[in-house]
Amino acid sequence: MTVAVFAADNSPSPYLPTLSSYIQVRYTDLEEGQDAWAIRRLKLMVDGGAEEGLRYHVQFIYKTHLQSSTDDQIYLQDAYVIMPVSRGLSFKVGQFVPPFGLERFEPDWNLDLVDRTDVTNRMVVNGNLGKSFARDRGVQADWTRGGLAFSVGLFQGEGANMNPSGNGPLGVARLSYGEKGEAGAAPWFWRAGIAASDRHDENLNLSAELPGLSQNLTKRFAGRDSRLNAFLEGGWGKVRGQAEYFRAWLSPDKGGEIAASGAYGQVAYLPLPGLILAMRYEWFTPDVHAAIVPKEDLWTVGVTVDIPKTSLRIACDYSHPTTVWPKTHGDVVRVQLQWFLPSWHVGGKRGGSA
């Protein structure tokens, strides 16, 4: 994510940090339950480095009134260094999101709808794992040539901000290919990819990822944890869309295999600059072998407006579950205000958010 622009000649060293931040304030209207105001995210980012050389990124998050175990605390999300070693090849070292999935790498400040899908949050590596925020600690190699991109990483496997309990290591790989261009006055693009991960879990709490299953198995899961993701995205002119499929095979040291699966499809239309109209369908099954376990089936529609000549964005969406789970809250309306604060270069150059 680029949040500031460095000055050209006579500017301070790019390795001095640039500080930037943004806040998302949200109102949630629940059909069944208490409505709530919340700080969904307040983030501080520290960035530095040459555009074509060594770069670093550190990111903190704070949130409150979300009825989450991570409320009212400041957490370190990212802390990594990117080291280019040759044309098209670089290494990333530190704490960051493993290369698994598509939507997980779309910044939350630039989503077509207010939130990422539930299926993404549950099925990506370390997705709903305690305080990890889908991050882990490790090393990753990234290679690109033309439209081809390949990433492979080896991680600790515990999840970021978690106490070591014997899990891991975690291996993750992702391969994708895409193209882009213009057809007349209409730009177009597409990209397709596949990712896989594997880890031996010794003591992981997967109850938030796999709700509805027996907590005797998921709260202290021990066994093989293998996952697969396939994705496709594309756009033509004012229309863009994406879809992902997830599958997880969890083989406990004792007991039968859990097979979770899920997918979503999403389309967005941009009739005017700064206006996004979007619709999405998603489904999630905690275990295809357990017929009595409820499935999630969810429709979401939304509108997003970027206020001209400001760094303000207003987004509103409406979600309607068509199955009994997660019918705890029934229909949900979310309204979110987002504001990027001016960035600041430690060397004295103020930047603008981008």
Protein backbone atom coordinates (compact mmCIF):
# COMPACT_ATOMS: atom_id res chain seq x y z
CA MET A 1 0.00 0.00 0.00
CA THR A 2 1.36 3.41 -0.98
CA VAL A 3 0.19 6.16 1.34
CA ALA A 4 2.67 8.98 0.69
CA VAL A 5 4.67 10.48 -2.13
CA PHE A 6 8.35 11.25 -1.60
CA ALA A 7 9.74 14.49 -2.96
CA ALA A 8 12.09 14.24 -5.93
CA ASP A 9 15.42 16.12 -5.96
CA ASN A 10 16.77 17.65 -2.75
CA SER A 11 14.42 15.53 -0.66
CA PRO A 12 15.48 13.80 2.56
CA SER A 13 16.66 10.22 2.45
CA PRO A 14 13.79 7.91 1.46
CA TYR A 15 14.95 5.55 4.23
CA LEU A 16 13.73 8.05 6.82
CA PRO A 17 10.18 6.99 7.70
CA THR A 18 6.94 8.44 6.42
CA LEU A 19 4.11 8.33 8.96
CA SER A 20 0.53 7.94 7.78
CA SER A 21 -2.77 6.93 9.34
CA TYR A 22 -6.48 6.54 8.73
CA ILE A 23 -9.61 5.87 10.75
CA GLN A 24 -12.84 4.03 9.97
CA VAL A 25 -15.88 4.87 12.12
CA ARG A 26 -18.83 2.52 11.71
CA TYR A 27 -22.51 2.34 12.64
CA THR A 28 -24.09 -1.13 12.59
CA ASP A 29 -27.86 -1.65 12.57
CA LEU A 30 -28.82 -5.21 13.53
CA GLU A 31 -32.24 -6.68 12.87
CA GLU A 32 -31.91 -8.73 16.07
CA GLY A 33 -29.62 -7.21 18.69
CA GLN A 34 -28.30 -3.86 19.83
CA ASP A 35 -27.16 -1.27 17.29
CA ALA A 36 -23.63 0.01 17.80
CA TRP A 37 -21.13 2.73 16.97
CA ALA A 38 -17.53 1.58 16.72
CA ILE A 39 -14.04 2.48 15.66
CA ARG A 40 -13.61 -0.31 13.12
CA ARG A 41 -9.98 0.52 12.47
CA LEU A 42 -7.51 3.17 13.50
CA LYS A 43 -4.19 2.45 11.82
CA LEU A 44 -0.74 3.97 11.96
CA MET A 45 1.75 3.05 9.21
CA VAL A 46 5.49 3.65 9.05
CA ASP A 47 7.06 3.32 5.59
CA GLY A 48 10.47 3.95 4.13
CA GLY A 49 12.92 2.92 1.46
CA ALA A 50 13.72 3.47 -2.18
CA GLU A 51 11.00 2.73 -4.72
CA GLU A 52 13.22 0.24 -6.56
CA GLY A 53 15.35 -0.82 -3.58
CA LEU A 54 15.17 -1.93 0.03
CA ARG A 55 11.83 -1.00 1.63
CA TYR A 56 10.23 -1.47 5.04
CA HIS A 57 6.72 -1.26 6.46
CA VAL A 58 5.37 -1.26 10.03
CA GLN A 59 1.65 -1.10 10.83
CA PHE A 60 -0.32 -0.84 14.09
CA ILE A 61 -4.09 -1.17 14.64
CA TYR A 62 -6.57 -0.15 17.33
CA LYS A 63 -10.32 -0.82 17.40
CA THR A 64 -13.11 -0.66 19.92
CA HIS A 65 -16.83 -1.43 20.49
CA LEU A 66 -16.80 -4.34 18.04
CA GLN A 67 -17.53 -7.02 20.65
CA SER A 68 -14.22 -8.61 19.72
CA SER A 69 -11.45 -10.13 21.86
CA THR A 70 -9.07 -7.67 20.18
CA ASP A 71 -11.01 -4.54 21.21
CA ASP A 72 -9.37 -1.74 23.22
CA GLN A 73 -5.77 -2.79 22.62
CA ILE A 74 -3.03 -1.69 20.23
CA TYR A 75 -1.63 -4.51 18.11
CA LEU A 76 1.31 -4.79 15.75
CA GLN A 77 -0.01 -6.07 12.42
CA ASP A 78 2.90 -5.75 9.98
CA ALA A 79 6.63 -5.39 10.46
CA TYR A 80 8.65 -6.45 7.43
CA VAL A 81 11.46 -5.61 5.05
CA ILE A 82 11.39 -6.19 1.27
CA MET A 83 14.77 -6.85 -0.31
CA PRO A 84 15.07 -6.94 -4.13
CA VAL A 85 17.87 -9.28 -5.23
CA SER A 86 17.46 -9.21 -9.02
CA ARG A 87 15.02 -8.09 -11.66
CA GLY A 88 11.64 -9.63 -10.83
CA LEU A 89 12.86 -11.39 -7.66
CA SER A 90 12.61 -10.12 -4.09
CA PHE A 91 12.47 -11.44 -0.54
CA LYS A 92 10.18 -10.34 2.29
CA VAL A 93 11.17 -11.00 5.91
CA GLY A 94 9.20 -10.29 9.08
CA GLN A 95 5.52 -10.36 10.10
CA PHE A 96 2.94 -10.15 7.31
CA VAL A 97 0.05 -11.93 5.54
CA PRO A 98 1.10 -15.25 3.95
CA PRO A 99 0.47 -15.44 0.16
CA PHE A 100 -2.94 -17.16 0.24
CA GLY A 101 -6.08 -15.74 -1.37
CA LEU A 102 -7.08 -12.69 -3.41
CA GLU A 103 -9.49 -10.58 -1.33
CA ARG A 104 -7.20 -10.79 1.71
CA PHE A 105 -4.64 -8.68 -0.18
CA GLU A 106 -7.09 -5.95 -1.14
CA PRO A 107 -6.58 -3.13 1.40
CA ASP A 108 -9.56 -2.60 3.67
CA TRP A 109 -9.57 1.12 2.82
CA ASN A 110 -10.25 0.34 -0.85
CA LEU A 111 -12.84 -2.46 -0.79
CA ASP A 112 -15.89 -2.31 -3.06
CA LEU A 113 -18.06 -3.26 -0.06
CA VAL A 114 -17.66 -2.33 3.60
CA ASP A 115 -16.08 -5.62 4.73
CA ARG A 116 -14.29 -8.61 3.29
CA THR A 117 -16.35 -11.77 3.00
CA ASP A 118 -16.90 -14.04 6.00
CA VAL A 119 -15.59 -16.98 3.98
CA THR A 120 -12.29 -15.19 3.37
CA ASN A 121 -11.89 -14.36 7.05
CA ARG A 122 -12.59 -17.96 8.04
CA MET A 123 -10.67 -19.83 5.35
CA VAL A 124 -7.42 -17.96 4.73
CA VAL A 125 -4.40 -19.08 6.71
CA ASN A 126 -4.61 -17.65 10.27
CA GLY A 127 -7.84 -15.89 9.27
CA ASN A 128 -9.87 -15.90 12.50
CA LEU A 129 -7.00 -17.16 14.62
CA GLY A 130 -7.03 -15.16 17.85
CA LYS A 131 -4.98 -11.97 17.64
CA SER A 132 -3.07 -12.87 14.48
CA PHE A 133 -5.05 -10.63 12.05
CA ALA A 134 -4.24 -13.26 9.38
CA ARG A 135 -0.52 -12.55 9.83
CA ASP A 136 2.44 -14.78 10.63
CA ARG A 137 6.21 -14.47 10.97
CA GLY A 138 8.48 -15.82 8.27
CA VAL A 139 10.28 -15.33 4.98
CA GLN A 140 8.78 -15.16 1.49
CA ALA A 141 10.19 -15.09 -2.04
CA ASP A 142 8.29 -13.26 -4.80
CA TRP A 143 9.05 -13.70 -8.50
CA THR A 144 7.35 -11.98 -11.43
CA ARG A 145 7.89 -12.12 -15.19
CA GLY A 146 5.41 -10.57 -17.57
CA GLY A 147 1.94 -11.53 -16.34
CA LEU A 148 3.22 -14.47 -14.28
CA ALA A 149 3.62 -14.14 -10.50
CA PHE A 150 4.83 -16.75 -8.02
CA SER A 151 5.21 -16.47 -4.25
CA VAL A 152 6.42 -19.07 -1.76
CA GLY A 153 6.89 -18.66 1.97
CA LEU A 154 7.92 -20.51 5.11
CA PHE A 155 6.39 -19.28 8.36
CA GLN A 156 6.52 -19.98 12.06
CA GLY A 157 2.93 -21.23 11.92
CA GLU A 158 1.71 -19.88 15.26
CA GLY A 159 0.01 -16.75 13.94
CA ALA A 160 1.16 -13.23 14.78
CA ASN A 161 0.78 -11.97 18.38
CA MET A 162 0.09 -15.51 19.62
CA ASN A 163 1.89 -17.42 22.34
CA PRO A 164 4.02 -20.30 20.98
CA SER A 165 2.34 -23.66 21.49
CA GLY A 166 4.17 -26.04 19.16
CA ASN A 167 2.36 -25.35 15.86
CA GLY A 168 4.04 -25.19 12.47
CA PRO A 169 6.04 -24.69 10.48
CA LEU A 170 3.66 -23.36 7.84
CA GLY A 171 4.38 -23.59 4.13
CA VAL A 172 2.41 -21.45 1.62
CA ALA A 173 2.66 -20.99 -2.17
CA ARG A 174 0.64 -19.00 -4.71
CA LEU A 175 0.82 -18.91 -8.52
CA SER A 176 -1.13 -16.53 -10.77
CA TYR A 177 -1.21 -15.22 -14.31
CA GLY A 178 -2.94 -12.18 -15.72
CA GLU A 179 -3.07 -9.63 -18.52
CA LYS A 180 -4.30 -6.05 -18.95
CA GLY A 181 -4.73 -3.59 -21.77
CA GLU A 182 -7.24 -1.38 -23.55
CA ALA A 183 -9.94 -2.11 -26.09
CA GLY A 184 -10.75 1.23 -27.63
CA ALA A 185 -11.37 3.61 -24.74
CA ALA A 186 -12.20 0.82 -22.29
CA PRO A 187 -9.37 -0.59 -20.14
CA TRP A 188 -9.56 -4.28 -19.29
CA PHE A 189 -7.73 -6.76 -17.07
CA TRP A 190 -7.95 -10.29 -15.76
CA ARG A 191 -5.97 -12.52 -13.41
CA ALA A 192 -6.40 -16.11 -12.24
CA GLY A 193 -4.48 -17.98 -9.59
CA ILE A 194 -4.21 -20.84 -7.16
CA ALA A 195 -2.69 -21.11 -3.69
CA ALA A 196 -2.00 -23.92 -1.22
CA SER A 197 -0.85 -24.17 2.38
CA ASP A 198 0.15 -26.95 4.76
CA ARG A 199 0.86 -27.01 8.50
CA HIS A 200 0.81 -29.46 11.38
CA ASP A 201 -1.25 -27.99 14.20
CA GLU A 202 -0.33 -28.94 17.73
CA ASN A 203 -2.71 -26.72 19.69
CA LEU A 204 -4.74 -24.24 17.63
CA ASN A 205 -8.12 -22.74 18.54
CA LEU A 206 -10.07 -23.05 15.28
CA SER A 207 -13.52 -22.60 16.85
CA ALA A 208 -13.89 -19.09 15.35
CA GLU A 209 -12.92 -20.35 11.90
CA LEU A 210 -15.22 -23.39 12.06
CA PRO A 211 -18.33 -22.35 14.03
CA GLY A 212 -20.98 -24.96 14.64
CA LEU A 213 -18.57 -27.87 15.02
CA SER A 214 -17.75 -29.57 18.29
CA GLN A 215 -15.39 -27.40 20.34
CA ASN A 216 -13.89 -30.56 21.79
CA LEU A 217 -12.23 -30.89 18.39
CA THR A 218 -11.80 -27.31 17.20
CA LYS A 219 -10.80 -25.44 20.38
CA ARG A 220 -7.52 -27.36 20.75
CA PHE A 221 -7.06 -28.78 17.28
CA ALA A 222 -4.06 -31.04 16.72
CA GLY A 223 -3.39 -32.60 13.32
CA ARG A 224 -2.75 -31.87 9.64
CA ASP A 225 -4.11 -28.55 8.31
CA SER A 226 -4.06 -28.29 4.50
CA ARG A 227 -5.85 -25.58 2.49
CA LEU A 228 -6.50 -24.69 -1.14
CA ASN A 229 -7.62 -21.44 -2.77
CA ALA A 230 -8.48 -20.63 -6.39
CA PHE A 231 -9.38 -17.15 -7.61
CA LEU A 232 -10.37 -15.18 -10.71
CA GLU A 233 -10.73 -11.43 -11.14
CA GLY A 234 -11.34 -9.21 -14.12
CA GLY A 235 -12.73 -5.93 -15.36
CA TRP A 236 -13.85 -4.13 -18.49
CA GLY A 237 -14.46 -0.39 -18.49
CA LYS A 238 -16.74 0.50 -15.59
CA VAL A 239 -17.44 -3.08 -14.50
CA ARG A 240 -15.19 -5.34 -12.43
CA GLY A 241 -15.68 -8.57 -10.57
CA GLN A 242 -13.98 -11.37 -8.70
CA ALA A 243 -14.60 -14.83 -7.28
CA GLU A 244 -12.79 -17.22 -4.97
CA TYR A 245 -13.15 -20.83 -3.90
CA PHE A 246 -11.71 -22.22 -0.65
CA ARG A 247 -11.26 -25.74 0.65
CA ALA A 248 -9.65 -26.95 3.87
CA TRP A 249 -8.79 -30.50 4.91
CA LEU A 250 -8.17 -30.86 8.64
CA SER A 251 -7.11 -34.32 9.73
CA PRO A 252 -6.94 -34.55 13.54
CA ASP A 253 -4.48 -36.89 15.18
CA LYS A 254 -7.55 -38.54 16.68
CA GLY A 255 -10.91 -38.56 14.90
CA GLY A 256 -12.33 -38.16 11.40
CA GLU A 257 -11.37 -35.56 8.80
CA ILE A 258 -13.00 -32.12 8.71
CA ALA A 259 -13.61 -30.77 5.19
CA ALA A 260 -14.58 -27.08 5.16
CA SER A 261 -15.44 -25.28 1.94
CA GLY A 262 -16.75 -21.95 0.76
CA ALA A 263 -16.83 -19.46 -2.09
CA TYR A 264 -18.04 -16.03 -3.12
CA GLY A 265 -18.75 -14.07 -6.27
CA GLN A 266 -18.78 -10.28 -6.48
CA VAL A 267 -19.44 -7.63 -9.13
CA ALA A 268 -19.04 -3.85 -8.97
CA TYR A 269 -20.17 -1.06 -11.29
CA LEU A 270 -18.56 2.41 -11.31
CA PRO A 271 -21.00 4.68 -13.17
CA LEU A 272 -19.20 7.88 -12.12
CA PRO A 273 -15.76 8.68 -10.69
CA GLY A 274 -15.84 8.11 -6.94
CA LEU A 275 -19.07 6.06 -6.98
CA ILE A 276 -19.12 2.26 -6.55
CA LEU A 277 -22.22 0.05 -6.68
CA ALA A 278 -21.52 -3.54 -5.66
CA MET A 279 -23.26 -6.87 -5.03
CA ARG A 280 -21.91 -10.13 -3.59
CA TYR A 281 -23.02 -13.67 -2.83
CA GLU A 282 -21.09 -15.99 -0.50
CA TRP A 283 -21.51 -19.37 1.12
CA PHE A 284 -19.57 -21.32 3.72
CA THR A 285 -19.80 -24.88 5.03
CA PRO A 286 -17.78 -25.70 8.20
CA ASP A 287 -17.74 -29.43 7.36
CA VAL A 288 -19.25 -31.05 4.28
CA HIS A 289 -19.34 -34.40 6.15
CA ALA A 290 -21.60 -33.08 8.93
CA ALA A 291 -25.08 -32.73 7.45
CA ILE A 292 -26.58 -31.33 10.66
CA VAL A 293 -24.13 -28.41 10.85
CA PRO A 294 -25.75 -25.17 9.56
CA LYS A 295 -24.31 -23.52 6.47
CA GLU A 296 -23.84 -19.82 5.81
CA ASP A 297 -25.53 -18.31 2.77
CA LEU A 298 -25.28 -14.52 2.50
CA TRP A 299 -26.19 -11.77 0.02
CA THR A 300 -24.71 -8.27 0.35
CA VAL A 301 -25.32 -5.08 -1.66
CA GLY A 302 -23.65 -1.74 -1.12
CA VAL A 303 -22.80 1.75 -2.31
CA THR A 304 -19.54 3.61 -1.74
CA VAL A 305 -18.88 7.32 -2.36
CA ASP A 306 -15.52 9.11 -2.36
CA ILE A 307 -16.10 12.77 -1.43
CA PRO A 308 -14.44 14.95 -4.13
CA LYS A 309 -11.34 16.93 -3.14
CA THR A 310 -11.13 15.21 0.25
CA SER A 311 -9.73 11.98 1.70
CA LEU A 312 -13.20 11.01 2.97
CA ARG A 313 -15.08 7.90 1.89
CA ILE A 314 -18.61 6.91 2.92
CA ALA A 315 -19.70 3.31 2.43
CA CYS A 316 -23.02 1.63 3.20
CA ASP A 317 -24.07 -1.97 2.69
CA TYR A 318 -26.92 -4.34 3.53
CA SER A 319 -26.47 -8.07 4.22
CA HIS A 320 -29.25 -10.65 4.11
CA PRO A 321 -28.63 -14.25 5.24
CA THR A 322 -30.89 -16.77 3.49
CA THR A 323 -30.08 -19.62 5.89
CA VAL A 324 -30.64 -20.09 9.62
CA TRP A 325 -26.98 -19.39 10.39
CA PRO A 326 -25.69 -16.81 11.16
CA LYS A 327 -29.29 -15.68 11.78
CA THR A 328 -28.31 -14.46 15.26
CA HIS A 329 -28.43 -10.88 14.01
CA GLY A 330 -30.66 -11.36 10.95
CA ASP A 331 -30.31 -8.62 8.35
CA VAL A 332 -27.46 -6.15 8.93
CA VAL A 333 -26.91 -2.58 7.71
CA ARG A 334 -23.43 -1.04 8.01
CA VAL A 335 -22.50 2.60 7.44
CA GLN A 336 -18.82 3.48 7.54
CA LEU A 337 -16.96 6.79 7.36
CA GLN A 338 -13.28 6.63 6.40
CA TRP A 339 -10.74 9.44 6.69
CA PHE A 340 -7.07 9.48 5.73
CA LEU A 341 -5.04 11.86 7.85
CA PRO A 342 -2.22 13.85 6.18
CA SER A 343 1.03 11.86 6.07
CA TRP A 344 4.33 13.20 7.37
CA HIS A 345 7.93 12.47 6.34
CA VAL A 346 10.33 12.52 9.28
CA GLY A 347 12.75 14.46 7.08
CA GLY A 348 10.27 17.34 6.90
CA LYS A 349 8.35 16.67 3.68
CA ARG A 350 4.61 16.34 4.04
CA GLY A 351 2.95 13.89 1.69
CA GLY A 352 -0.58 13.34 0.50
CA SER A 353 -2.53 10.13 0.84
CA ALA A 354 -2.85 8.10 -2.33
